[in-house]
Amino acid sequence: MEGQDEVSAREQHFHSQVRESTICFLLFAILYIVSYFIIRRYKRKSDEQEDEDAIVNRISLFLSTFTLAVSAGAVLLLPFSIISNEILLAFPQNYYIQWLNGSLIHGLWNLASLFSNLCLFVLMPFAFFFLESEGFAGLKKGIRARILETLVMLILLALLILGMVWVASALVDNDAASMESLYDLWEFYLPYLYSCISLMGCLLLLLCTPVGLSRMFTVMGQLLVKPAILEDLDEQIYMITLEEEALQRRLNGLSSSVEYNMMELEQELENVKTLKTKLERRKKASAWERNLVYPAVMVLLLIETSISVLLVACNILCLLVDETAMPKGTRGPGIGNASLSAFGFVGAALEIILIFYLMVSSVVGFYSLRCFGNFIPKKDDTTMTKIIGNCVSILVLSSALPVMSRTLGLHKLHLSNTPRDSETAKPSANGHQKAL
């Protein structure tokens, strides 16, 4: 009987692993397809010629798409974990949701962490150097020469970083142990290096999120149609049309030798055409879109911003008063054990909305900063170098989102092996599980 029980347990574990691998593959395939279409929307069309550079651009495109899919997965995992927790609480014995367990959530978080490290330290540097490489002088030009140059650059960069870390460690603690600590590279330096990058991402989020919260009203005001109160749109369109015709006549009659004035007139004409397009869109908008959608969206943004600021203020007050409220002292409930909010499913849904709102606000704030303004992608006119930079930036922000959300008290989910998960979750090969 013991042998049969052991075989049965092994079969259950095998089927569980196959099921989890299939689910992870399908979820990532969906994210990859969506990310591919997003990047194709902004990628410059002139880079699609059929030559050696086209192959390099295509490889960099696939790597950038993989990175963007990992970033999307890192953002969606936290809401997915919260929803899974509430579903398991609502239907604890339902046969059709048995696949949704702590082992699957653990596997998704571990894969997200692994792929984030892979993209940040390997794939994105390789894509950038591969895109900029031309092959060493004296070698036959081609893809192999560019791959060889890229690998050499990556090795030199890795040696440079490791050398700087080793020298810094020796200067801080000049003894034999610190000199030999380089051998702990895999178990010590790489995890803490990723932790440092997550810390930098958290600081960047804390810098970008307030800017994004203030810019969200302006951005939504540009995307939506404002109510036409005491405005005559027909008269404004007529005046803009006359101004456009006047500029066009001046531009046609201007001598081609006056290049500077011609460039100014072309820029002014482009601005007038943009303003005319906006006015025509406002005129074509329905009364519901003008008078209902815009005020509703603005009120919703105001409510979400107020709730976010209120929750953060309450959490900071708790941190100042109660030491056990610190994240390191919090041992929250595991998957399927207790609700994450006192309001149940409604509170969990509110947390998910706030998490997405903070992520969108941080992205808007990131592109609103003056030093990152040149990173804004343009439709059908974004180079692969800029796409790589955007993918890396979004990856850093998305990797830091769970840490910042937990620090600010937006959720208290703790991924740990619970009695519910002990039947399906097995220890990993390296003997540990990651905790959120």
Protein backbone atom coordinates (compact mmCIF):
# COMPACT_ATOMS: atom_id res chain seq x y z
CA MET A 1 0.00 0.00 0.00
CA GLU A 2 2.84 2.38 0.79
CA GLY A 3 4.33 1.74 -2.66
CA GLN A 4 1.00 2.47 -4.33
CA ASP A 5 0.61 5.67 -2.30
CA GLU A 6 4.11 6.74 -3.33
CA VAL A 7 3.39 6.08 -7.02
CA SER A 8 0.08 7.93 -6.74
CA ALA A 9 1.79 10.93 -5.12
CA ARG A 10 4.44 10.95 -7.84
CA GLU A 11 1.78 10.83 -10.54
CA GLN A 12 -0.14 13.69 -8.94
CA HIS A 13 3.03 15.74 -8.70
CA PHE A 14 3.87 15.00 -12.35
CA HIS A 15 0.40 15.99 -13.59
CA SER A 16 0.51 19.12 -11.45
CA GLN A 17 3.84 20.15 -12.96
CA VAL A 18 2.59 19.53 -16.50
CA ARG A 19 -0.58 21.51 -15.82
CA GLU A 20 1.34 24.43 -14.34
CA SER A 21 3.83 24.46 -17.22
CA THR A 22 1.00 24.48 -19.76
CA ILE A 23 -0.79 27.35 -18.00
CA CYS A 24 2.43 29.38 -17.73
CA PHE A 25 3.17 28.83 -21.42
CA LEU A 26 -0.32 29.88 -22.53
CA LEU A 27 -0.31 33.01 -20.37
CA PHE A 28 3.13 34.04 -21.59
CA ALA A 29 2.18 33.33 -25.22
CA ILE A 30 -0.79 35.72 -24.92
CA LEU A 31 1.40 38.42 -23.36
CA TYR A 32 4.05 37.92 -26.05
CA ILE A 33 1.55 38.32 -28.90
CA VAL A 34 0.07 41.49 -27.36
CA SER A 35 3.57 42.91 -26.75
CA TYR A 36 4.58 42.14 -30.32
CA PHE A 37 1.69 44.12 -31.77
CA ILE A 38 2.38 47.02 -29.40
CA ILE A 39 6.03 47.26 -30.46
CA ARG A 40 5.13 46.85 -34.14
CA ARG A 41 2.79 49.80 -33.77
CA TYR A 42 5.64 52.10 -32.73
CA LYS A 43 8.57 50.58 -34.62
CA ARG A 44 9.95 52.59 -37.52
CA LYS A 45 8.79 51.10 -40.80
CA SER A 46 11.97 52.09 -42.66
CA ASP A 47 13.88 49.45 -40.65
CA GLU A 48 12.12 46.58 -42.45
CA GLN A 49 14.39 46.30 -45.51
CA GLU A 50 15.64 42.83 -46.41
CA ASP A 51 19.36 42.84 -45.63
CA GLU A 52 21.76 42.08 -42.80
CA ASP A 53 20.56 45.05 -40.72
CA ALA A 54 16.99 43.83 -41.12
CA ILE A 55 17.92 40.47 -39.56
CA VAL A 56 19.64 42.25 -36.66
CA ASN A 57 16.60 44.49 -36.16
CA ARG A 58 14.32 41.45 -36.23
CA ILE A 59 16.34 39.64 -33.55
CA SER A 60 16.40 42.79 -31.39
CA LEU A 61 12.64 43.10 -31.95
CA PHE A 62 12.02 39.57 -30.67
CA LEU A 63 14.20 40.16 -27.59
CA SER A 64 12.47 43.46 -26.87
CA THR A 65 9.07 41.79 -27.26
CA PHE A 66 10.13 39.09 -24.80
CA THR A 67 11.22 41.76 -22.30
CA LEU A 68 7.98 43.72 -22.67
CA ALA A 69 5.98 40.51 -22.15
CA VAL A 70 7.94 39.79 -18.96
CA SER A 71 7.25 43.35 -17.77
CA ALA A 72 3.53 42.93 -18.43
CA GLY A 73 3.60 39.62 -16.56
CA ALA A 74 5.32 41.23 -13.58
CA VAL A 75 2.62 43.92 -13.48
CA LEU A 76 -0.28 41.48 -13.85
CA LEU A 77 0.98 38.90 -11.35
CA LEU A 78 0.09 40.95 -8.30
CA PRO A 79 -3.57 41.51 -9.36
CA PHE A 80 -3.70 37.87 -10.50
CA SER A 81 -2.56 36.72 -7.05
CA ILE A 82 -5.13 38.90 -5.31
CA ILE A 83 -7.95 37.67 -7.56
CA SER A 84 -6.84 34.05 -7.09
CA ASN A 85 -6.94 34.48 -3.32
CA GLU A 86 -10.50 35.82 -3.40
CA ILE A 87 -11.67 33.08 -5.82
CA LEU A 88 -10.22 30.34 -3.60
CA LEU A 89 -12.00 31.87 -0.62
CA ALA A 90 -15.31 32.07 -2.45
CA PHE A 91 -15.14 28.55 -3.98
CA PRO A 92 -12.85 26.45 -1.78
CA GLN A 93 -14.10 23.04 -2.99
CA ASN A 94 -14.94 23.81 -6.62
CA TYR A 95 -13.53 21.16 -8.98
CA TYR A 96 -12.99 23.57 -11.88
CA ILE A 97 -10.61 25.86 -9.99
CA GLN A 98 -8.39 23.21 -8.44
CA TRP A 99 -5.62 24.29 -10.85
CA LEU A 100 -5.61 27.70 -9.17
CA ASN A 101 -3.43 27.01 -6.12
CA GLY A 102 -0.42 28.29 -4.26
CA SER A 103 1.98 26.12 -6.23
CA LEU A 104 0.93 27.79 -9.51
CA ILE A 105 1.26 31.27 -8.00
CA HIS A 106 4.71 30.37 -6.65
CA GLY A 107 5.77 29.08 -10.04
CA LEU A 108 4.59 32.24 -11.80
CA TRP A 109 6.44 34.51 -9.38
CA ASN A 110 9.63 32.45 -9.66
CA LEU A 111 9.45 32.54 -13.46
CA ALA A 112 8.82 36.29 -13.41
CA SER A 113 11.88 36.80 -11.20
CA LEU A 114 14.03 34.51 -13.35
CA PHE A 115 13.00 36.09 -16.66
CA SER A 116 13.40 39.60 -15.24
CA ASN A 117 17.01 38.82 -14.32
CA LEU A 118 17.57 37.20 -17.70
CA CYS A 119 16.17 40.17 -19.62
CA LEU A 120 17.88 42.81 -17.51
CA PHE A 121 21.37 41.30 -17.41
CA VAL A 122 21.56 39.25 -20.62
CA LEU A 123 18.94 39.81 -23.30
CA MET A 124 18.68 43.59 -23.33
CA PRO A 125 22.46 44.23 -23.21
CA PHE A 126 22.86 41.65 -25.97
CA ALA A 127 20.14 43.33 -28.08
CA PHE A 128 21.73 46.77 -27.67
CA PHE A 129 25.31 45.70 -28.44
CA PHE A 130 24.11 43.46 -31.27
CA LEU A 131 22.22 46.38 -32.80
CA GLU A 132 25.26 48.68 -32.58
CA SER A 133 27.87 46.09 -33.64
CA GLU A 134 29.52 46.00 -37.07
CA GLY A 135 32.08 43.21 -36.65
CA PHE A 136 35.77 43.42 -35.82
CA ALA A 137 38.09 44.95 -38.38
CA GLY A 138 39.83 42.30 -40.49
CA LEU A 139 37.04 39.75 -40.16
CA LYS A 140 34.49 38.90 -42.79
CA LYS A 141 31.37 40.98 -42.33
CA GLY A 142 28.18 39.17 -41.47
CA ILE A 143 25.89 38.03 -38.68
CA ARG A 144 28.56 35.79 -37.13
CA ALA A 145 31.04 38.66 -36.91
CA ARG A 146 28.44 40.87 -35.23
CA ILE A 147 27.50 38.11 -32.78
CA LEU A 148 31.19 37.60 -31.94
CA GLU A 149 31.68 41.30 -31.28
CA THR A 150 28.51 41.40 -29.15
CA LEU A 151 29.64 38.45 -27.01
CA VAL A 152 33.08 39.99 -26.51
CA MET A 153 31.48 43.28 -25.44
CA LEU A 154 29.20 41.45 -22.98
CA ILE A 155 32.14 39.55 -21.48
CA LEU A 156 34.17 42.74 -21.11
CA LEU A 157 31.21 44.52 -19.52
CA ALA A 158 30.67 41.64 -17.07
CA LEU A 159 34.38 41.61 -16.15
CA LEU A 160 34.31 45.37 -15.65
CA ILE A 161 31.31 45.19 -13.30
CA LEU A 162 32.73 42.23 -11.36
CA GLY A 163 36.10 43.96 -11.07
CA MET A 164 34.48 47.11 -9.71
CA VAL A 165 32.50 45.06 -7.18
CA TRP A 166 35.60 43.14 -6.10
CA VAL A 167 37.69 46.31 -5.69
CA ALA A 168 34.90 48.04 -3.76
CA SER A 169 34.56 45.01 -1.47
CA ALA A 170 38.31 44.90 -0.88
CA LEU A 171 38.46 48.63 -0.09
CA VAL A 172 35.60 48.44 2.38
CA ASP A 173 36.80 45.26 4.13
CA ASN A 174 40.44 44.55 3.31
CA ASP A 175 40.92 40.97 4.44
CA ALA A 176 41.22 37.52 2.92
CA ALA A 177 37.52 36.78 3.33
CA SER A 178 36.50 39.81 1.27
CA MET A 179 39.00 38.92 -1.46
CA GLU A 180 37.60 35.39 -1.64
CA SER A 181 33.99 36.57 -1.49
CA LEU A 182 33.96 36.86 -5.27
CA TYR A 183 33.49 33.11 -5.38
CA ASP A 184 30.05 33.64 -3.84
CA LEU A 185 28.97 35.37 -7.03
CA TRP A 186 25.99 33.18 -7.88
CA GLU A 187 24.58 32.90 -4.35
CA PHE A 188 25.31 36.39 -3.07
CA TYR A 189 26.19 39.07 -5.60
CA LEU A 190 23.68 38.42 -8.38
CA PRO A 191 20.57 38.28 -6.10
CA TYR A 192 21.68 41.42 -4.28
CA LEU A 193 22.50 43.13 -7.56
CA TYR A 194 18.92 42.53 -8.67
CA SER A 195 17.74 43.78 -5.27
CA CYS A 196 19.73 46.98 -5.77
CA ILE A 197 18.15 47.46 -9.18
CA SER A 198 14.72 46.88 -7.61
CA LEU A 199 15.62 49.52 -5.03
CA MET A 200 16.53 51.93 -7.81
CA GLY A 201 13.22 51.06 -9.47
CA CYS A 202 11.37 51.81 -6.21
CA LEU A 203 13.10 55.18 -5.93
CA LEU A 204 12.23 55.88 -9.56
CA LEU A 205 8.62 54.91 -8.88
CA LEU A 206 8.49 57.18 -5.84
CA LEU A 207 9.81 59.98 -8.02
CA CYS A 208 7.58 59.34 -11.03
CA THR A 209 4.29 58.48 -9.33
CA PRO A 210 3.55 61.94 -7.79
CA VAL A 211 4.44 63.56 -11.11
CA GLY A 212 2.23 61.09 -12.93
CA LEU A 213 -0.70 61.66 -10.55
CA SER A 214 -0.59 65.37 -11.30
CA ARG A 215 -0.13 64.81 -15.04
CA MET A 216 -2.97 62.28 -15.38
CA PHE A 217 -5.58 65.05 -15.43
CA THR A 218 -3.74 66.87 -18.21
CA VAL A 219 -3.23 63.70 -20.24
CA MET A 220 -6.86 62.64 -19.95
CA GLY A 221 -7.92 66.18 -20.85
CA GLN A 222 -5.95 65.85 -24.08
CA LEU A 223 -7.37 62.43 -24.91
CA LEU A 224 -11.02 63.17 -24.11
CA VAL A 225 -13.37 65.75 -25.59
CA LYS A 226 -14.03 68.66 -23.26
CA PRO A 227 -17.54 70.13 -22.87
CA ALA A 228 -18.19 73.04 -25.24
CA ILE A 229 -19.44 75.67 -22.80
CA LEU A 230 -19.98 79.17 -24.26
CA GLU A 231 -17.87 78.22 -27.28
CA ASP A 232 -18.68 78.49 -30.97
CA LEU A 233 -16.73 75.67 -32.57
CA ASP A 234 -17.88 76.53 -36.09
CA GLU A 235 -16.42 80.02 -35.78
CA GLN A 236 -13.13 78.69 -34.41
CA ILE A 237 -12.86 76.14 -37.22
CA TYR A 238 -13.57 78.88 -39.79
CA MET A 239 -10.84 81.11 -38.36
CA ILE A 240 -8.34 78.23 -38.22
CA THR A 241 -9.16 77.36 -41.85
CA LEU A 242 -8.47 80.93 -42.96
CA GLU A 243 -5.18 80.94 -41.05
CA GLU A 244 -4.21 77.61 -42.65
CA GLU A 245 -4.94 78.93 -46.15
CA ALA A 246 -2.94 82.11 -45.47
CA LEU A 247 0.06 80.12 -44.28
CA GLN A 248 -0.20 77.80 -47.28
CA ARG A 249 -0.19 80.76 -49.69
CA ARG A 250 2.79 82.31 -47.95
CA LEU A 251 4.62 79.00 -48.08
CA ASN A 252 3.89 78.53 -51.79
CA GLY A 253 5.03 82.04 -52.66
CA LEU A 254 8.20 81.95 -50.57
CA SER A 255 11.48 81.49 -52.37
CA SER A 256 13.19 78.16 -51.79
CA SER A 257 16.43 80.01 -50.97
CA VAL A 258 14.99 81.31 -47.70
CA GLU A 259 15.29 77.98 -45.94
CA TYR A 260 15.01 79.24 -42.36
CA ASN A 261 11.70 81.08 -42.87
CA MET A 262 10.34 78.12 -44.81
CA MET A 263 11.04 75.75 -41.91
CA GLU A 264 9.30 78.14 -39.48
CA LEU A 265 6.24 78.39 -41.74
CA GLU A 266 6.07 74.61 -42.15
CA GLN A 267 6.20 74.14 -38.36
CA GLU A 268 3.51 76.77 -37.83
CA LEU A 269 1.34 75.21 -40.54
CA GLU A 270 1.70 71.80 -38.88
CA ASN A 271 0.59 73.26 -35.53
CA VAL A 272 -2.43 74.90 -37.16
CA LYS A 273 -3.44 71.61 -38.82
CA THR A 274 -3.15 69.80 -35.48
CA LEU A 275 -5.35 72.39 -33.78
CA LYS A 276 -7.88 72.16 -36.61
CA THR A 277 -8.02 68.37 -36.24
CA LYS A 278 -8.72 68.69 -32.51
CA LEU A 279 -11.50 71.21 -33.10
CA GLU A 280 -13.11 69.00 -35.75
CA ARG A 281 -12.98 66.04 -33.37
CA ARG A 282 -14.68 68.11 -30.67
CA LYS A 283 -17.39 69.13 -33.14
CA LYS A 284 -18.06 65.54 -34.25
CA ALA A 285 -18.24 64.24 -30.67
CA SER A 286 -21.69 63.40 -29.34
CA ALA A 287 -23.34 65.27 -26.49
CA TRP A 288 -22.91 62.22 -24.22
CA GLU A 289 -19.16 62.12 -24.88
CA ARG A 290 -18.75 65.85 -24.28
CA ASN A 291 -21.02 66.35 -21.28
CA LEU A 292 -20.87 62.96 -19.49
CA VAL A 293 -17.67 61.04 -20.25
CA TYR A 294 -15.24 63.89 -19.55
CA PRO A 295 -16.70 64.91 -16.14
CA ALA A 296 -17.10 61.25 -15.10
CA VAL A 297 -13.48 60.41 -15.95
CA MET A 298 -12.18 63.49 -14.13
CA VAL A 299 -14.23 62.71 -11.02
CA LEU A 300 -13.01 59.09 -11.14
CA LEU A 301 -9.38 60.26 -11.38
CA LEU A 302 -9.93 62.61 -8.45
CA ILE A 303 -11.44 59.82 -6.34
CA GLU A 304 -8.64 57.35 -7.17
CA THR A 305 -5.96 59.93 -6.43
CA SER A 306 -7.60 60.87 -3.12
CA ILE A 307 -7.96 57.24 -2.05
CA SER A 308 -4.34 56.49 -3.00
CA VAL A 309 -3.02 59.45 -1.02
CA LEU A 310 -5.27 58.58 1.94
CA LEU A 311 -4.14 54.93 2.04
CA VAL A 312 -0.48 55.90 1.80
CA ALA A 313 -0.89 58.49 4.55
CA CYS A 314 -2.61 55.96 6.84
CA ASN A 315 0.08 53.37 6.18
CA ILE A 316 2.87 55.88 6.92
CA LEU A 317 1.11 56.80 10.17
CA CYS A 318 0.90 53.11 11.12
CA LEU A 319 4.60 52.67 10.36
CA LEU A 320 5.45 55.60 12.62
CA VAL A 321 3.28 54.37 15.50
CA ASP A 322 3.51 50.57 15.30
CA GLU A 323 6.82 48.83 14.57
CA THR A 324 5.10 45.54 13.73
CA ALA A 325 3.45 47.23 10.77
CA MET A 326 6.76 47.26 8.96
CA PRO A 327 6.86 44.95 5.92
CA LYS A 328 9.62 42.85 7.46
CA GLY A 329 7.46 42.21 10.52
CA THR A 330 4.33 41.40 8.58
CA ARG A 331 3.40 37.78 8.02
CA GLY A 332 0.25 38.11 6.01
CA PRO A 333 -2.11 35.31 5.09
CA GLY A 334 -1.19 32.86 2.38
CA ILE A 335 -3.13 32.09 -0.77
CA GLY A 336 -6.72 31.06 -0.04
CA ASN A 337 -6.55 31.44 3.75
CA ALA A 338 -8.03 34.87 4.43
CA SER A 339 -9.27 37.89 2.55
CA LEU A 340 -6.77 40.69 2.01
CA SER A 341 -9.30 43.38 2.81
CA ALA A 342 -11.90 43.96 5.46
CA PHE A 343 -14.40 44.67 2.66
CA GLY A 344 -13.84 41.29 1.01
CA PHE A 345 -14.02 41.06 -2.76
CA VAL A 346 -14.93 44.76 -3.12
CA GLY A 347 -11.84 45.81 -1.18
CA ALA A 348 -9.65 43.46 -3.23
CA ALA A 349 -11.07 44.91 -6.46
CA LEU A 350 -10.32 48.41 -5.16
CA GLU A 351 -6.73 47.39 -4.41
CA ILE A 352 -6.32 46.03 -7.94
CA ILE A 353 -7.68 49.26 -9.45
CA LEU A 354 -5.30 51.33 -7.33
CA ILE A 355 -2.32 49.15 -8.29
CA PHE A 356 -3.07 49.59 -12.00
CA TYR A 357 -3.67 53.29 -11.47
CA LEU A 358 -0.33 53.72 -9.71
CA MET A 359 1.47 51.81 -12.48
CA VAL A 360 -0.10 53.93 -15.22
CA SER A 361 0.64 57.09 -13.23
CA SER A 362 4.27 56.07 -12.75
CA VAL A 363 4.67 55.45 -16.51
CA VAL A 364 3.08 58.82 -17.30
CA GLY A 365 5.32 60.49 -14.71
CA PHE A 366 8.38 58.73 -16.12
CA TYR A 367 7.77 60.12 -19.59
CA SER A 368 6.90 63.52 -18.11
CA LEU A 369 10.34 63.92 -16.53
CA ARG A 370 12.60 66.18 -18.56
CA CYS A 371 15.53 63.75 -18.59
CA PHE A 372 13.33 60.95 -20.02
CA GLY A 373 11.24 63.04 -22.39
CA ASN A 374 13.19 61.82 -25.43
CA PHE A 375 12.15 58.22 -24.61
CA ILE A 376 8.53 58.83 -25.62
CA PRO A 377 7.75 56.42 -28.48
CA LYS A 378 6.13 57.74 -31.64
CA LYS A 379 3.82 55.75 -33.86
CA ASP A 380 5.69 54.18 -36.81
CA ASP A 381 8.74 56.35 -36.06
CA THR A 382 10.62 54.80 -33.11
CA THR A 383 14.10 53.36 -33.60
CA MET A 384 15.05 49.99 -32.16
CA THR A 385 17.54 51.64 -29.80
CA LYS A 386 14.78 53.74 -28.28
CA ILE A 387 12.48 50.69 -28.10
CA ILE A 388 15.16 48.80 -26.15
CA GLY A 389 15.51 51.74 -23.76
CA ASN A 390 11.74 51.87 -23.23
CA CYS A 391 11.54 48.11 -22.60
CA VAL A 392 14.34 48.27 -20.00
CA SER A 393 12.72 51.25 -18.25
CA ILE A 394 9.31 49.57 -18.10
CA LEU A 395 10.94 46.35 -16.85
CA VAL A 396 12.63 48.20 -13.98
CA LEU A 397 9.39 49.99 -13.06
CA SER A 398 7.30 46.80 -13.22
CA SER A 399 9.83 44.82 -11.16
CA ALA A 400 9.65 47.42 -8.41
CA LEU A 401 5.83 47.69 -8.41
CA PRO A 402 5.15 44.75 -6.02
CA VAL A 403 7.78 46.01 -3.57
CA MET A 404 6.40 49.53 -3.59
CA SER A 405 2.80 48.32 -3.31
CA ARG A 406 3.66 46.24 -0.26
CA THR A 407 5.71 49.03 1.30
CA LEU A 408 2.89 51.55 0.84
CA GLY A 409 0.40 49.09 2.36
CA LEU A 410 -1.73 48.55 -0.76
CA HIS A 411 -1.77 44.79 -0.20
CA LYS A 412 -0.70 42.28 2.45
CA LEU A 413 -0.50 39.09 0.43
CA HIS A 414 2.23 36.72 1.59
CA LEU A 415 3.16 33.74 -0.54
CA SER A 416 4.07 30.93 1.77
CA ASN A 417 3.39 27.20 1.91
CA THR A 418 0.04 26.78 3.63
CA PRO A 419 -1.90 23.68 4.59
CA ARG A 420 -4.05 24.18 1.50
CA ASP A 421 -0.98 24.24 -0.74
CA SER A 422 0.97 21.51 1.02
CA GLU A 423 -0.82 18.82 -0.97
CA THR A 424 0.24 20.29 -4.35
CA ALA A 425 3.25 22.48 -3.68
CA LYS A 426 6.60 20.71 -3.58
CA PRO A 427 9.97 22.13 -2.57
CA SER A 428 11.95 23.46 -5.48
CA ALA A 429 15.31 22.06 -6.57
CA ASN A 430 17.29 24.69 -4.71
CA GLY A 431 15.28 24.16 -1.55
CA HIS A 432 13.61 27.51 -1.19
CA GLN A 433 10.55 29.44 -2.36
CA LYS A 434 10.34 33.14 -3.05
CA ALA A 435 8.02 35.25 -0.93
CA LEU A 436 6.24 38.33 -1.99
